[in-house]
Amino acid sequence: MTGAGRRRNPGLRKFQAGVLERNRRFCYPVAIKLKGEQHMTLGEKLQNLRREKGISQDQLAEMLDVSRQAVSKWERDEAIPETDKVIKLSEVFSVSIDSLLKDTPPLRPQSQPPAGKRAEPSDFFSQLVRLFKRRGYLLGYLLILWGGVDLINVIFVRLAWSKMLGFAGNMAGYMDQGIQSALSAPMNLLWVTLLLAAVKIAGGILAVIFGRRYAKKEEGKQ
């Protein structure tokens, strides 16, 4: 159609302008809506979750016992992880399996306590109680050792003091009664120490016997 023909048909030009205007009004809002509701693939979700957690592909691969190339293929949507790996991924990122597999925006991972955060006192005491139930009988060996050391000390002190008393007996004519009583007084303390040593050894033996029985009983329940 010549230029003169186009000038003679203003209705055609008006019709074309109307079509363009309708397309603009319809397509632009739809494009905005699709942009706002953009869904993510599994690979995009894995990549975003991994970056939010602050770990590399190598670290994630080590957690899942796979190669780094496998993780890279998952994030590029060139491969799909196996079922057991999907379960591990949900545990690593603290998200549900559905949020990973469904065509929906990924959920934010649940907040976790920092790695360096101290355990709660209740957890510490519960672990201490479990350890005492399983290995408490070891304290019995310590009591036996402690009592044995005291017993050896009593024997050596007794022998040394006996020699000193023998020497004092030879010198009895040269010492008054007060000095002789002072020399014999420490022997009473040795008897007290000997009694405590016997109690420690007996208590340690009982702790070992009953502690080992209780530990075996607890292991049988598990």
N, C-alpha and C. Protein backbone atom coordinates (compact mmCIF):
# COMPACT_ATOMS: atom_id res chain seq x y z
N MET A 1 0.87 -1.20 0.00
CA MET A 1 0.00 0.00 0.00
C MET A 1 0.90 1.24 0.00
N THR A 2 0.60 2.19 -0.84
CA THR A 2 1.42 3.39 -0.98
C THR A 2 1.17 4.33 0.17
N GLY A 3 2.05 5.37 0.26
CA GLY A 3 1.89 6.35 1.31
C GLY A 3 0.58 7.09 1.19
N ALA A 4 0.15 7.32 -0.05
CA ALA A 4 -1.12 8.02 -0.24
C ALA A 4 -2.28 7.18 0.23
N GLY A 5 -2.15 5.82 0.03
CA GLY A 5 -3.21 4.91 0.44
C GLY A 5 -3.35 4.89 1.95
N ARG A 6 -2.16 4.92 2.66
CA ARG A 6 -2.22 4.91 4.11
C ARG A 6 -2.85 6.20 4.64
N ARG A 7 -2.56 7.30 3.96
CA ARG A 7 -3.15 8.55 4.41
C ARG A 7 -4.65 8.58 4.17
N ARG A 8 -5.10 7.79 3.16
CA ARG A 8 -6.53 7.76 2.89
C ARG A 8 -7.28 6.86 3.85
N ASN A 9 -6.58 6.02 4.68
CA ASN A 9 -7.23 5.07 5.60
C ASN A 9 -6.85 5.40 7.05
N PRO A 10 -7.31 6.47 7.59
CA PRO A 10 -7.01 6.79 9.00
C PRO A 10 -7.67 5.81 9.96
N GLY A 11 -8.75 5.14 9.54
CA GLY A 11 -9.41 4.17 10.41
C GLY A 11 -8.53 2.98 10.73
N LEU A 12 -7.71 2.54 9.75
CA LEU A 12 -6.80 1.41 9.97
C LEU A 12 -5.74 1.75 11.01
N ARG A 13 -5.21 2.98 10.88
CA ARG A 13 -4.20 3.40 11.84
C ARG A 13 -4.80 3.49 13.25
N LYS A 14 -6.02 3.94 13.37
CA LYS A 14 -6.68 4.04 14.66
C LYS A 14 -6.94 2.66 15.25
N PHE A 15 -7.31 1.70 14.37
CA PHE A 15 -7.55 0.33 14.84
C PHE A 15 -6.27 -0.30 15.39
N GLN A 16 -5.16 -0.11 14.69
CA GLN A 16 -3.88 -0.67 15.14
C GLN A 16 -3.45 -0.07 16.48
N ALA A 17 -3.67 1.22 16.64
CA ALA A 17 -3.31 1.87 17.91
C ALA A 17 -4.15 1.32 19.05
N GLY A 18 -5.42 1.04 18.79
CA GLY A 18 -6.28 0.48 19.83
C GLY A 18 -5.84 -0.91 20.25
N VAL A 19 -5.43 -1.73 19.26
CA VAL A 19 -4.95 -3.08 19.57
C VAL A 19 -3.70 -3.03 20.44
N LEU A 20 -2.77 -2.15 20.11
CA LEU A 20 -1.54 -2.02 20.90
C LEU A 20 -1.84 -1.58 22.32
N GLU A 21 -2.80 -0.66 22.47
CA GLU A 21 -3.15 -0.18 23.80
C GLU A 21 -3.77 -1.28 24.65
N ARG A 22 -4.64 -2.09 24.05
CA ARG A 22 -5.27 -3.19 24.79
C ARG A 22 -4.23 -4.23 25.20
N ASN A 23 -3.30 -4.53 24.29
CA ASN A 23 -2.23 -5.49 24.62
C ASN A 23 -1.37 -4.98 25.78
N ARG A 24 -1.10 -3.68 25.75
CA ARG A 24 -0.27 -3.12 26.82
C ARG A 24 -0.97 -3.20 28.17
N ARG A 25 -2.26 -2.88 28.19
CA ARG A 25 -3.02 -2.90 29.44
C ARG A 25 -3.19 -4.32 29.99
N PHE A 26 -3.27 -5.29 29.11
CA PHE A 26 -3.50 -6.66 29.56
C PHE A 26 -2.19 -7.37 29.92
N CYS A 27 -1.20 -7.23 29.08
CA CYS A 27 0.04 -8.01 29.26
C CYS A 27 0.90 -7.46 30.39
N TYR A 28 0.91 -6.15 30.58
CA TYR A 28 1.80 -5.59 31.60
C TYR A 28 1.43 -6.05 33.01
N PRO A 29 0.14 -5.98 33.44
CA PRO A 29 -0.19 -6.50 34.78
C PRO A 29 0.08 -7.98 34.93
N VAL A 30 -0.17 -8.76 33.87
CA VAL A 30 0.11 -10.20 33.95
C VAL A 30 1.58 -10.45 34.14
N ALA A 31 2.42 -9.69 33.45
CA ALA A 31 3.87 -9.86 33.59
C ALA A 31 4.32 -9.52 35.00
N ILE A 32 3.72 -8.44 35.56
CA ILE A 32 4.07 -8.07 36.93
C ILE A 32 3.65 -9.15 37.91
N LYS A 33 2.50 -9.74 37.72
CA LYS A 33 2.00 -10.78 38.61
C LYS A 33 2.88 -12.02 38.55
N LEU A 34 3.24 -12.42 37.33
CA LEU A 34 4.11 -13.59 37.18
C LEU A 34 5.48 -13.34 37.80
N LYS A 35 5.96 -12.13 37.70
CA LYS A 35 7.26 -11.81 38.29
C LYS A 35 7.20 -11.89 39.80
N GLY A 36 6.08 -11.47 40.41
CA GLY A 36 5.95 -11.51 41.86
C GLY A 36 5.73 -12.90 42.38
N GLU A 37 5.14 -13.79 41.58
CA GLU A 37 4.83 -15.15 42.02
C GLU A 37 5.78 -16.16 41.38
N GLN A 38 6.98 -15.73 41.09
CA GLN A 38 7.94 -16.61 40.43
C GLN A 38 8.28 -17.80 41.33
N HIS A 39 8.07 -19.00 40.83
CA HIS A 39 8.38 -20.20 41.58
C HIS A 39 9.83 -20.60 41.35
N MET A 40 10.37 -21.35 42.29
CA MET A 40 11.77 -21.73 42.23
C MET A 40 11.89 -23.23 42.06
N THR A 41 12.92 -23.63 41.34
CA THR A 41 13.19 -25.05 41.16
C THR A 41 13.89 -25.60 42.39
N LEU A 42 14.01 -26.93 42.43
CA LEU A 42 14.69 -27.56 43.56
C LEU A 42 16.14 -27.09 43.64
N GLY A 43 16.78 -26.97 42.49
CA GLY A 43 18.17 -26.52 42.49
C GLY A 43 18.33 -25.11 43.02
N GLU A 44 17.40 -24.21 42.64
CA GLU A 44 17.46 -22.84 43.14
C GLU A 44 17.22 -22.79 44.64
N LYS A 45 16.30 -23.61 45.12
CA LYS A 45 16.05 -23.66 46.56
C LYS A 45 17.28 -24.13 47.31
N LEU A 46 17.91 -25.20 46.81
CA LEU A 46 19.10 -25.73 47.48
C LEU A 46 20.22 -24.69 47.52
N GLN A 47 20.38 -23.99 46.41
CA GLN A 47 21.44 -22.98 46.35
C GLN A 47 21.17 -21.85 47.33
N ASN A 48 19.93 -21.36 47.38
CA ASN A 48 19.60 -20.28 48.31
C ASN A 48 19.72 -20.71 49.76
N LEU A 49 19.22 -21.91 50.08
CA LEU A 49 19.30 -22.41 51.45
C LEU A 49 20.74 -22.62 51.89
N ARG A 50 21.55 -23.11 50.97
CA ARG A 50 22.96 -23.34 51.30
C ARG A 50 23.67 -22.02 51.58
N ARG A 51 23.38 -21.01 50.78
CA ARG A 51 24.02 -19.71 50.99
C ARG A 51 23.53 -19.05 52.27
N GLU A 52 22.24 -19.20 52.57
CA GLU A 52 21.73 -18.63 53.82
C GLU A 52 22.35 -19.30 55.03
N LYS A 53 22.65 -20.58 54.92
CA LYS A 53 23.28 -21.29 56.03
C LYS A 53 24.77 -21.00 56.11
N GLY A 54 25.34 -20.45 55.02
CA GLY A 54 26.74 -20.07 55.03
C GLY A 54 27.71 -21.23 54.88
N ILE A 55 27.33 -22.23 54.10
CA ILE A 55 28.22 -23.38 53.86
C ILE A 55 28.51 -23.48 52.38
N SER A 56 29.63 -24.07 52.05
CA SER A 56 30.03 -24.25 50.66
C SER A 56 29.49 -25.56 50.10
N GLN A 57 29.66 -25.73 48.80
CA GLN A 57 29.25 -26.99 48.17
C GLN A 57 30.06 -28.16 48.71
N ASP A 58 31.34 -27.92 48.98
CA ASP A 58 32.17 -29.00 49.53
C ASP A 58 31.69 -29.42 50.92
N GLN A 59 31.34 -28.44 51.75
CA GLN A 59 30.85 -28.77 53.09
C GLN A 59 29.52 -29.51 53.04
N LEU A 60 28.62 -29.06 52.16
CA LEU A 60 27.34 -29.75 52.02
C LEU A 60 27.53 -31.16 51.49
N ALA A 61 28.46 -31.32 50.55
CA ALA A 61 28.73 -32.65 50.01
C ALA A 61 29.28 -33.58 51.08
N GLU A 62 30.11 -33.04 51.98
CA GLU A 62 30.65 -33.86 53.07
C GLU A 62 29.56 -34.27 54.04
N MET A 63 28.61 -33.36 54.31
CA MET A 63 27.50 -33.70 55.21
C MET A 63 26.63 -34.81 54.64
N LEU A 64 26.47 -34.80 53.31
CA LEU A 64 25.58 -35.77 52.66
C LEU A 64 26.31 -37.00 52.16
N ASP A 65 27.65 -37.01 52.31
CA ASP A 65 28.46 -38.14 51.85
C ASP A 65 28.31 -38.32 50.34
N VAL A 66 28.41 -37.22 49.60
CA VAL A 66 28.39 -37.26 48.14
C VAL A 66 29.54 -36.38 47.65
N SER A 67 29.72 -36.34 46.34
CA SER A 67 30.76 -35.52 45.76
C SER A 67 30.27 -34.09 45.56
N ARG A 68 31.22 -33.17 45.44
CA ARG A 68 30.84 -31.78 45.20
C ARG A 68 30.18 -31.63 43.85
N GLN A 69 30.60 -32.45 42.88
CA GLN A 69 29.98 -32.38 41.56
C GLN A 69 28.50 -32.74 41.62
N ALA A 70 28.15 -33.68 42.51
CA ALA A 70 26.74 -34.05 42.64
C ALA A 70 25.92 -32.88 43.16
N VAL A 71 26.46 -32.17 44.16
CA VAL A 71 25.76 -31.00 44.69
C VAL A 71 25.62 -29.93 43.63
N SER A 72 26.69 -29.73 42.85
CA SER A 72 26.64 -28.73 41.78
C SER A 72 25.58 -29.07 40.74
N LYS A 73 25.45 -30.35 40.40
CA LYS A 73 24.42 -30.76 39.43
C LYS A 73 23.02 -30.56 39.99
N TRP A 74 22.86 -30.81 41.29
CA TRP A 74 21.54 -30.58 41.90
C TRP A 74 21.15 -29.11 41.80
N GLU A 75 22.10 -28.23 42.10
CA GLU A 75 21.79 -26.80 42.10
C GLU A 75 21.58 -26.27 40.70
N ARG A 76 22.17 -26.91 39.69
CA ARG A 76 21.94 -26.50 38.30
C ARG A 76 20.76 -27.24 37.68
N ASP A 77 20.05 -28.04 38.49
CA ASP A 77 18.90 -28.82 38.01
C ASP A 77 19.27 -29.78 36.89
N GLU A 78 20.52 -30.25 36.93
CA GLU A 78 20.95 -31.26 35.96
C GLU A 78 20.74 -32.67 36.50
N ALA A 79 20.48 -32.79 37.78
CA ALA A 79 20.22 -34.09 38.40
C ALA A 79 19.33 -33.85 39.62
N ILE A 80 18.65 -34.91 40.06
CA ILE A 80 17.76 -34.85 41.21
C ILE A 80 18.33 -35.75 42.31
N PRO A 81 18.44 -35.26 43.53
CA PRO A 81 18.97 -36.11 44.62
C PRO A 81 18.04 -37.28 44.91
N GLU A 82 18.64 -38.35 45.41
CA GLU A 82 17.86 -39.53 45.77
C GLU A 82 17.02 -39.23 47.01
N THR A 83 16.11 -40.17 47.30
CA THR A 83 15.16 -39.94 48.39
C THR A 83 15.87 -39.76 49.73
N ASP A 84 16.86 -40.61 50.02
CA ASP A 84 17.56 -40.49 51.30
C ASP A 84 18.34 -39.18 51.39
N LYS A 85 18.83 -38.70 50.25
CA LYS A 85 19.55 -37.43 50.26
C LYS A 85 18.59 -36.25 50.47
N VAL A 86 17.38 -36.37 49.92
CA VAL A 86 16.39 -35.32 50.14
C VAL A 86 16.05 -35.22 51.63
N ILE A 87 15.94 -36.37 52.28
CA ILE A 87 15.65 -36.38 53.72
C ILE A 87 16.78 -35.71 54.49
N LYS A 88 18.03 -36.03 54.13
CA LYS A 88 19.17 -35.42 54.80
C LYS A 88 19.23 -33.92 54.53
N LEU A 89 18.87 -33.52 53.30
CA LEU A 89 18.85 -32.09 52.98
C LEU A 89 17.84 -31.34 53.84
N SER A 90 16.68 -31.94 54.04
CA SER A 90 15.67 -31.29 54.88
C SER A 90 16.16 -31.17 56.32
N GLU A 91 16.95 -32.14 56.79
CA GLU A 91 17.49 -32.07 58.14
C GLU A 91 18.59 -31.03 58.25
N VAL A 92 19.44 -30.96 57.21
CA VAL A 92 20.54 -29.99 57.24
C VAL A 92 20.01 -28.56 57.24
N PHE A 93 19.01 -28.29 56.40
CA PHE A 93 18.48 -26.94 56.26
C PHE A 93 17.29 -26.67 57.17
N SER A 94 16.87 -27.67 57.95
CA SER A 94 15.75 -27.51 58.90
C SER A 94 14.47 -27.05 58.20
N VAL A 95 14.17 -27.66 57.09
CA VAL A 95 12.93 -27.38 56.36
C VAL A 95 12.23 -28.71 56.10
N SER A 96 10.95 -28.63 55.75
CA SER A 96 10.20 -29.85 55.47
C SER A 96 10.54 -30.36 54.08
N ILE A 97 10.31 -31.65 53.88
CA ILE A 97 10.56 -32.25 52.57
C ILE A 97 9.61 -31.67 51.53
N ASP A 98 8.36 -31.40 51.93
CA ASP A 98 7.39 -30.84 50.99
C ASP A 98 7.84 -29.49 50.47
N SER A 99 8.40 -28.65 51.34
CA SER A 99 8.83 -27.33 50.88
C SER A 99 9.99 -27.42 49.91
N LEU A 100 10.75 -28.51 49.95
CA LEU A 100 11.83 -28.69 48.99
C LEU A 100 11.32 -29.18 47.65
N LEU A 101 10.37 -30.10 47.67
CA LEU A 101 9.94 -30.77 46.45
C LEU A 101 8.80 -30.04 45.74
N LYS A 102 7.92 -29.36 46.50
CA LYS A 102 6.80 -28.68 45.86
C LYS A 102 7.26 -27.43 45.14
N ASP A 103 6.48 -27.05 44.12
CA ASP A 103 6.80 -25.88 43.31
C ASP A 103 6.29 -24.63 44.00
N THR A 104 6.85 -24.36 45.17
CA THR A 104 6.46 -23.20 45.96
C THR A 104 7.72 -22.50 46.43
N PRO A 105 7.61 -21.23 46.79
CA PRO A 105 8.79 -20.53 47.31
C PRO A 105 9.34 -21.24 48.53
N PRO A 106 10.65 -21.30 48.67
CA PRO A 106 11.25 -22.03 49.80
C PRO A 106 10.96 -21.35 51.12
N LEU A 107 10.79 -22.13 52.14
CA LEU A 107 10.57 -21.61 53.48
C LEU A 107 11.90 -21.25 54.12
N ARG A 108 11.85 -20.26 54.96
CA ARG A 108 13.06 -19.90 55.69
C ARG A 108 13.44 -21.00 56.65
N PRO A 109 14.71 -21.34 56.75
CA PRO A 109 15.09 -22.38 57.71
C PRO A 109 14.82 -21.94 59.13
N GLN A 110 14.47 -22.88 59.95
CA GLN A 110 14.21 -22.59 61.35
C GLN A 110 15.49 -22.16 62.03
N SER A 111 15.35 -21.19 62.91
CA SER A 111 16.53 -20.69 63.61
C SER A 111 17.09 -21.76 64.52
N GLN A 112 18.40 -21.89 64.51
CA GLN A 112 19.08 -22.87 65.35
C GLN A 112 20.03 -22.14 66.29
N PRO A 113 20.26 -22.69 67.46
CA PRO A 113 21.19 -22.04 68.38
C PRO A 113 22.60 -22.07 67.82
N PRO A 114 23.41 -21.06 68.09
CA PRO A 114 24.79 -21.05 67.60
C PRO A 114 25.55 -22.27 68.07
N ALA A 115 26.57 -22.62 67.25
CA ALA A 115 27.33 -23.84 67.55
C ALA A 115 28.06 -23.73 68.87
N GLY A 116 28.49 -22.50 69.22
CA GLY A 116 29.25 -22.33 70.45
C GLY A 116 28.41 -22.09 71.68
N LYS A 117 27.10 -22.15 71.55
CA LYS A 117 26.23 -21.88 72.69
C LYS A 117 26.34 -23.00 73.71
N ARG A 118 26.37 -22.62 74.97
CA ARG A 118 26.50 -23.62 76.03
C ARG A 118 25.21 -24.40 76.18
N ALA A 119 25.36 -25.63 76.60
CA ALA A 119 24.19 -26.47 76.84
C ALA A 119 23.44 -25.98 78.07
N GLU A 120 22.15 -26.23 78.10
CA GLU A 120 21.35 -25.84 79.24
C GLU A 120 21.80 -26.61 80.49
N PRO A 121 21.65 -26.01 81.68
CA PRO A 121 22.06 -26.71 82.90
C PRO A 121 21.35 -28.04 83.08
N SER A 122 20.07 -28.10 82.68
CA SER A 122 19.34 -29.37 82.83
C SER A 122 19.96 -30.46 81.98
N ASP A 123 20.39 -30.09 80.75
CA ASP A 123 21.05 -31.08 79.89
C ASP A 123 22.37 -31.54 80.50
N PHE A 124 23.12 -30.59 81.07
CA PHE A 124 24.41 -30.94 81.66
C PHE A 124 24.23 -31.91 82.82
N PHE A 125 23.27 -31.62 83.71
CA PHE A 125 23.07 -32.47 84.87
C PHE A 125 22.52 -33.84 84.47
N SER A 126 21.66 -33.87 83.44
CA SER A 126 21.12 -35.16 83.00
C SER A 126 22.23 -36.02 82.42
N GLN A 127 23.15 -35.40 81.66
CA GLN A 127 24.29 -36.15 81.14
C GLN A 127 25.20 -36.62 82.27
N LEU A 128 25.35 -35.77 83.29
CA LEU A 128 26.19 -36.15 84.43
C LEU A 128 25.58 -37.33 85.18
N VAL A 129 24.26 -37.34 85.33
CA VAL A 129 23.59 -38.45 86.01
C VAL A 129 23.73 -39.73 85.21
N ARG A 130 23.56 -39.65 83.88
CA ARG A 130 23.73 -40.85 83.05
C ARG A 130 25.15 -41.38 83.13
N LEU A 131 26.13 -40.47 83.13
CA LEU A 131 27.52 -40.89 83.24
C LEU A 131 27.79 -41.55 84.58
N PHE A 132 27.22 -41.01 85.65
CA PHE A 132 27.42 -41.59 86.98
C PHE A 132 26.79 -42.98 87.06
N LYS A 133 25.62 -43.16 86.44
CA LYS A 133 24.98 -44.46 86.47
C LYS A 133 25.80 -45.50 85.72
N ARG A 134 26.44 -45.09 84.64
CA ARG A 134 27.19 -46.04 83.82
C ARG A 134 28.61 -46.25 84.32
N ARG A 135 29.24 -45.20 84.88
CA ARG A 135 30.64 -45.30 85.27
C ARG A 135 30.87 -44.90 86.72
N GLY A 136 29.82 -44.88 87.51
CA GLY A 136 29.97 -44.47 88.90
C GLY A 136 30.83 -45.41 89.72
N TYR A 137 30.89 -46.68 89.32
CA TYR A 137 31.67 -47.64 90.09
C TYR A 137 33.17 -47.33 90.05
N LEU A 138 33.59 -46.51 89.09
CA LEU A 138 35.01 -46.15 89.03
C LEU A 138 35.43 -45.35 90.26
N LEU A 139 34.49 -44.64 90.87
CA LEU A 139 34.81 -43.93 92.11
C LEU A 139 35.18 -44.90 93.22
N GLY A 140 34.65 -46.11 93.16
CA GLY A 140 35.02 -47.13 94.15
C GLY A 140 36.50 -47.45 94.09
N TYR A 141 37.06 -47.54 92.88
CA TYR A 141 38.49 -47.80 92.76
C TYR A 141 39.31 -46.65 93.36
N LEU A 142 38.82 -45.42 93.19
CA LEU A 142 39.52 -44.28 93.78
C LEU A 142 39.51 -44.35 95.30
N LEU A 143 38.37 -44.76 95.86
CA LEU A 143 38.30 -44.90 97.32
C LEU A 143 39.26 -45.98 97.81
N ILE A 144 39.32 -47.09 97.10
CA ILE A 144 40.24 -48.17 97.49
C ILE A 144 41.68 -47.68 97.43
N LEU A 145 42.02 -46.95 96.36
CA LEU A 145 43.38 -46.43 96.23
C LEU A 145 43.69 -45.43 97.34
N TRP A 146 42.72 -44.58 97.64
CA TRP A 146 42.91 -43.58 98.71
C TRP A 146 43.12 -44.27 100.06
N GLY A 147 42.29 -45.24 100.36
CA GLY A 147 42.46 -45.96 101.62
C GLY A 147 43.76 -46.73 101.67
N GLY A 148 44.21 -47.28 100.53
CA GLY A 148 45.48 -48.00 100.50
C GLY A 148 46.65 -47.09 100.78
N VAL A 149 46.61 -45.87 100.22
CA VAL A 149 47.69 -44.91 100.48
C VAL A 149 47.73 -44.54 101.96
N ASP A 150 46.55 -44.31 102.56
CA ASP A 150 46.51 -44.00 104.00
C ASP A 150 47.05 -45.16 104.83
N LEU A 151 46.72 -46.38 104.43
CA LEU A 151 47.19 -47.55 105.16
C LEU A 151 48.71 -47.67 105.10
N ILE A 152 49.28 -47.42 103.94
CA ILE A 152 50.74 -47.48 103.80
C ILE A 152 51.41 -46.40 104.65
N ASN A 153 50.80 -45.21 104.65
CA ASN A 153 51.36 -44.13 105.49
C ASN A 153 51.32 -44.49 106.97
N VAL A 154 50.23 -45.11 107.39
CA VAL A 154 50.12 -45.52 108.80
C VAL A 154 51.21 -46.52 109.15
N ILE A 155 51.47 -47.46 108.26
CA ILE A 155 52.49 -48.49 108.53
C ILE A 155 53.87 -47.86 108.67
N PHE A 156 54.21 -46.96 107.72
CA PHE A 156 55.53 -46.34 107.78
C PHE A 156 55.68 -45.45 109.01
N VAL A 157 54.64 -44.68 109.32
CA VAL A 157 54.72 -43.81 110.51
C VAL A 157 54.80 -44.65 111.78
N ARG A 158 54.08 -45.76 111.79
CA ARG A 158 54.10 -46.63 112.98
C ARG A 158 55.49 -47.20 113.20
N LEU A 159 56.14 -47.64 112.13
CA LEU A 159 57.48 -48.19 112.27
C LEU A 159 58.47 -47.13 112.74
N ALA A 160 58.37 -45.93 112.12
CA ALA A 160 59.30 -44.87 112.51
C ALA A 160 59.06 -44.44 113.95
N TRP A 161 57.80 -44.38 114.36
CA TRP A 161 57.49 -43.95 115.73
C TRP A 161 57.90 -45.00 116.76
N SER A 162 57.81 -46.26 116.36
CA SER A 162 58.24 -47.32 117.27
C SER A 162 59.73 -47.22 117.56
N LYS A 163 60.50 -46.92 116.54
CA LYS A 163 61.93 -46.75 116.76
C LYS A 163 62.19 -45.56 117.68
N MET A 164 61.41 -44.49 117.46
CA MET A 164 61.60 -43.31 118.30
C MET A 164 61.21 -43.61 119.75
N LEU A 165 60.13 -44.39 119.92
CA LEU A 165 59.72 -44.74 121.29
C LEU A 165 60.74 -45.66 121.94
N GLY A 166 61.34 -46.54 121.14
CA GLY A 166 62.38 -47.40 121.70
C GLY A 166 63.57 -46.59 122.18
N PHE A 167 63.93 -45.60 121.40
CA PHE A 167 65.02 -44.72 121.82
C PHE A 167 64.62 -43.93 123.06
N ALA A 168 63.32 -43.51 123.09
CA ALA A 168 62.85 -42.76 124.26
C ALA A 168 62.83 -43.64 125.50
N GLY A 169 62.56 -44.94 125.34
CA GLY A 169 62.56 -45.85 126.48
C GLY A 169 63.94 -45.97 127.09
N ASN A 170 64.95 -45.96 126.23
CA ASN A 170 66.31 -46.02 126.74
C ASN A 170 66.69 -44.75 127.49
N MET A 171 66.03 -43.65 127.08
CA MET A 171 66.33 -42.37 127.71
C MET A 171 65.30 -42.00 128.77
N ALA A 172 64.48 -42.99 129.21
CA ALA A 172 63.40 -42.69 130.15
C ALA A 172 63.92 -42.08 131.44
N GLY A 173 65.09 -42.49 131.86
CA GLY A 173 65.62 -41.96 133.10
C GLY A 173 65.98 -40.50 133.01
N TYR A 174 66.13 -40.01 131.79
CA TYR A 174 66.54 -38.63 131.60
C TYR A 174 65.37 -37.71 131.22
N MET A 175 64.14 -38.27 131.03
CA MET A 175 62.98 -37.46 130.63
C MET A 175 61.91 -37.54 131.69
N ASP A 176 61.17 -36.46 131.85
CA ASP A 176 60.08 -36.46 132.81
C ASP A 176 58.85 -37.14 132.21
N GLN A 177 57.79 -37.28 133.00
CA GLN A 177 56.59 -37.99 132.58
C GLN A 177 55.85 -37.24 131.47
N GLY A 178 55.87 -35.92 131.48
CA GLY A 178 55.17 -35.13 130.46
C GLY A 178 55.73 -35.37 129.07
N ILE A 179 57.03 -35.44 128.95
CA ILE A 179 57.65 -35.67 127.64
C ILE A 179 57.32 -37.06 127.13
N GLN A 180 57.33 -38.06 128.02
CA GLN A 180 57.00 -39.42 127.59
C GLN A 180 55.55 -39.52 127.11
N SER A 181 54.62 -38.82 127.79
CA SER A 181 53.21 -38.82 127.36
C SER A 181 53.05 -38.14 126.00
N ALA A 182 53.81 -37.06 125.78
CA ALA A 182 53.73 -36.35 124.50
C ALA A 182 54.22 -37.23 123.35
N LEU A 183 55.22 -38.05 123.61
CA LEU A 183 55.73 -38.92 122.56
C LEU A 183 54.77 -40.05 122.22
N SER A 184 54.00 -40.52 123.20
CA SER A 184 53.07 -41.62 122.95
C SER A 184 51.71 -41.16 122.43
N ALA A 185 51.39 -39.85 122.52
CA ALA A 185 50.07 -39.34 122.10
C ALA A 185 49.81 -39.52 120.60
N PRO A 186 50.77 -39.27 119.69
CA PRO A 186 50.49 -39.43 118.26
C PRO A 186 50.05 -40.83 117.86
N MET A 187 50.33 -41.83 118.66
CA MET A 187 49.90 -43.19 118.32
C MET A 187 48.38 -43.29 118.26
N ASN A 188 47.69 -42.52 119.09
CA ASN A 188 46.22 -42.53 119.05
C ASN A 188 45.69 -42.00 117.71
N LEU A 189 46.38 -40.98 117.16
CA LEU A 189 45.98 -40.44 115.86
C LEU A 189 46.19 -41.47 114.75
N LEU A 190 47.22 -42.29 114.91
CA LEU A 190 47.46 -43.33 113.90
C LEU A 190 46.32 -44.34 113.87
N TRP A 191 45.77 -44.65 115.04
CA TRP A 191 44.65 -45.59 115.07
C TRP A 191 43.42 -45.00 114.37
N VAL A 192 43.20 -43.71 114.55
CA VAL A 192 42.07 -43.05 113.86
C VAL A 192 42.28 -43.08 112.34
N THR A 193 43.50 -42.78 111.91
CA THR A 193 43.81 -42.81 110.48
C THR A 193 43.65 -44.22 109.91
N LEU A 194 44.07 -45.21 110.70
CA LEU A 194 43.92 -46.60 110.27
C LEU A 194 42.45 -46.98 110.11
N LEU A 195 41.61 -46.51 111.03
CA LEU A 195 40.18 -46.80 110.94
C LEU A 195 39.56 -46.15 109.70
N LEU A 196 39.93 -44.90 109.43
CA LEU A 196 39.41 -44.22 108.24
C LEU A 196 39.86 -44.91 106.95
N ALA A 197 41.10 -45.38 106.94
CA ALA A 197 41.59 -46.09 105.76
C ALA A 197 40.79 -47.37 105.51
N ALA A 198 40.47 -48.08 106.60
CA ALA A 198 39.68 -49.30 106.46
C ALA A 198 38.28 -49.00 105.93
N VAL A 199 37.69 -47.89 106.41
CA VAL A 199 36.35 -47.49 105.94
C VAL A 199 36.39 -47.14 104.45
N LYS A 200 37.41 -46.43 104.01
CA LYS A 200 37.54 -46.07 102.60
C LYS A 200 37.67 -47.31 101.72
N ILE A 201 38.51 -48.24 102.15
CA ILE A 201 38.71 -49.45 101.35
C ILE A 201 37.43 -50.27 101.27
N ALA A 202 36.75 -50.44 102.42
CA ALA A 202 35.50 -51.20 102.43
C ALA A 202 34.43 -50.52 101.59
N GLY A 203 34.31 -49.19 101.72
CA GLY A 203 33.33 -48.47 100.91
C GLY A 203 33.63 -48.54 99.43
N GLY A 204 34.90 -48.49 99.07
CA GLY A 204 35.27 -48.60 97.66
C GLY A 204 34.93 -49.96 97.08
N ILE A 205 35.17 -51.01 97.86
CA ILE A 205 34.85 -52.37 97.39
C ILE A 205 33.35 -52.51 97.16
N LEU A 206 32.54 -52.02 98.09
CA LEU A 206 31.09 -52.09 97.94
C LEU A 206 30.62 -51.27 96.74
N ALA A 207 31.23 -50.08 96.54
CA ALA A 207 30.84 -49.23 95.41
C ALA A 207 31.15 -49.91 94.08
N VAL A 208 32.28 -50.61 94.00
CA VAL A 208 32.64 -51.31 92.77
C VAL A 208 31.67 -52.46 92.50
N ILE A 209 31.38 -53.24 93.52
CA ILE A 209 30.51 -54.42 93.34
C ILE A 209 29.11 -54.01 92.90
N PHE A 210 28.48 -53.14 93.70
CA PHE A 210 27.10 -52.76 93.39
C PHE A 210 27.02 -51.81 92.18
N GLY A 211 28.06 -51.01 91.99
CA GLY A 211 28.06 -50.11 90.84
C GLY A 211 28.13 -50.87 89.53
N ARG A 212 28.95 -51.90 89.46
CA ARG A 212 29.05 -52.70 88.23
C ARG A 212 27.75 -53.46 87.97
N ARG A 213 27.13 -53.94 89.02
CA ARG A 213 25.85 -54.63 88.85
C ARG A 213 24.79 -53.68 88.29
N TYR A 214 24.74 -52.48 88.83
CA TYR A 214 23.75 -51.51 88.38
C TYR A 214 24.02 -51.09 86.94
N ALA A 215 25.31 -50.93 86.59
CA ALA A 215 25.66 -50.54 85.22
C ALA A 215 25.24 -51.62 84.23
N LYS A 216 25.46 -52.89 84.58
CA LYS A 216 25.03 -53.98 83.70
C LYS A 216 23.51 -54.01 83.56
N LYS A 217 22.82 -53.71 84.64
CA LYS A 217 21.36 -53.69 84.60
C LYS A 217 20.86 -52.59 83.68
N GLU A 218 21.49 -51.41 83.73
CA GLU A 218 21.09 -50.30 82.86
C GLU A 218 21.39 -50.61 81.40
N GLU A 219 22.54 -51.25 81.14
CA GLU A 219 22.87 -51.62 79.76
C GLU A 219 21.89 -52.65 79.22
N GLY A 220 21.40 -53.55 80.09
CA GLY A 220 20.42 -54.54 79.67
C GLY A 220 19.10 -53.90 79.28
N LYS A 221 18.72 -52.79 79.94
CA LYS A 221 17.48 -52.10 79.59
C LYS A 221 17.58 -51.45 78.22
N GLN A 222 18.77 -50.98 77.86
CA GLN A 222 18.95 -50.35 76.56
C GLN A 222 19.08 -51.39 75.46
